[in-house]
Amino acid sequence: MEERCKACGLCIHFCPKKVLDLSNKRNKQGYKVIYPKYPERCNICGICYLMCPDVVFIMDKKDES
């Protein structure tokens, strides 16, 4: 999925918990990829999923039982 990222930054900008950031790693297209800088803050709200024009994110509901 990193290969589809074009580093537009929409997911970073709109994340209410400020989970995401740009890494120094680049994909094959030369774009810096997004990574979860603070994964413990994520509450799976789905805003990154909704904002991403390149469908980089996958919604993954965790079993909370």
Protein backbone atom coordinates (compact mmCIF):
# COMPACT_ATOMS: atom_id res chain seq x y z
CA MET A 1 0.00 0.00 0.00
CA GLU A 2 2.92 2.35 0.50
CA GLU A 3 3.43 2.29 -3.26
CA ARG A 4 0.11 4.10 -3.80
CA CYS A 5 0.94 6.94 -1.39
CA LYS A 6 1.71 10.27 -3.05
CA ALA A 7 2.43 12.10 0.21
CA CYS A 8 -0.41 14.57 -0.26
CA GLY A 9 -0.63 14.95 3.53
CA LEU A 10 -4.42 14.95 3.78
CA CYS A 11 -4.39 12.06 6.24
CA ILE A 12 -1.83 13.85 8.42
CA HIS A 13 -3.72 17.14 8.33
CA PHE A 14 -7.15 15.74 9.15
CA CYS A 15 -6.18 13.12 11.76
CA PRO A 16 -7.77 14.38 15.00
CA LYS A 17 -5.28 12.43 17.15
CA LYS A 18 -2.18 13.47 15.13
CA VAL A 19 -1.17 9.81 14.68
CA LEU A 20 0.46 10.07 11.25
CA ASP A 21 3.60 11.71 9.90
CA LEU A 22 5.86 11.63 6.83
CA SER A 23 8.77 9.21 7.04
CA ASN A 24 12.16 9.52 5.38
CA LYS A 25 11.42 6.29 3.50
CA ARG A 26 10.42 6.74 -0.12
CA ASN A 27 8.30 4.52 -2.33
CA LYS A 28 9.19 3.50 -5.89
CA GLN A 29 7.64 6.70 -7.23
CA GLY A 30 9.93 8.81 -5.03
CA TYR A 31 7.28 10.05 -2.61
CA LYS A 32 7.89 9.99 1.12
CA VAL A 33 5.47 7.52 2.70
CA ILE A 34 3.17 8.12 5.63
CA TYR A 35 3.72 6.15 8.80
CA PRO A 36 1.97 5.90 12.18
CA LYS A 37 4.25 8.01 14.39
CA TYR A 38 1.97 7.58 17.42
CA PRO A 39 -0.01 4.36 16.77
CA GLU A 40 -1.13 4.17 20.40
CA ARG A 41 -3.24 7.31 19.84
CA CYS A 42 -5.27 5.78 16.99
CA ASN A 43 -8.92 5.12 17.81
CA ILE A 44 -9.75 3.79 14.31
CA CYS A 45 -12.00 6.76 13.52
CA GLY A 46 -11.49 6.24 9.78
CA ILE A 47 -10.80 9.84 8.83
CA CYS A 48 -7.48 8.91 7.18
CA TYR A 49 -9.33 6.26 5.19
CA LEU A 50 -11.97 8.74 4.06
CA MET A 51 -9.55 11.54 3.19
CA CYS A 52 -7.00 9.49 1.23
CA PRO A 53 -7.50 9.99 -2.53
CA ASP A 54 -5.16 7.06 -3.29
CA VAL A 55 -6.89 4.43 -1.11
CA VAL A 56 -3.74 3.74 0.89
CA PHE A 57 -5.48 2.87 4.16
CA ILE A 58 -7.49 -0.21 5.05
CA MET A 59 -10.03 -0.15 7.85
CA ASP A 60 -9.13 -2.87 10.35
CA LYS A 61 -11.57 -3.27 13.22
CA LYS A 62 -9.85 -4.92 16.14
CA ASP A 63 -11.68 -7.42 18.29
CA GLU A 64 -12.40 -5.60 21.54
CA SER A 65 -13.82 -8.59 23.46
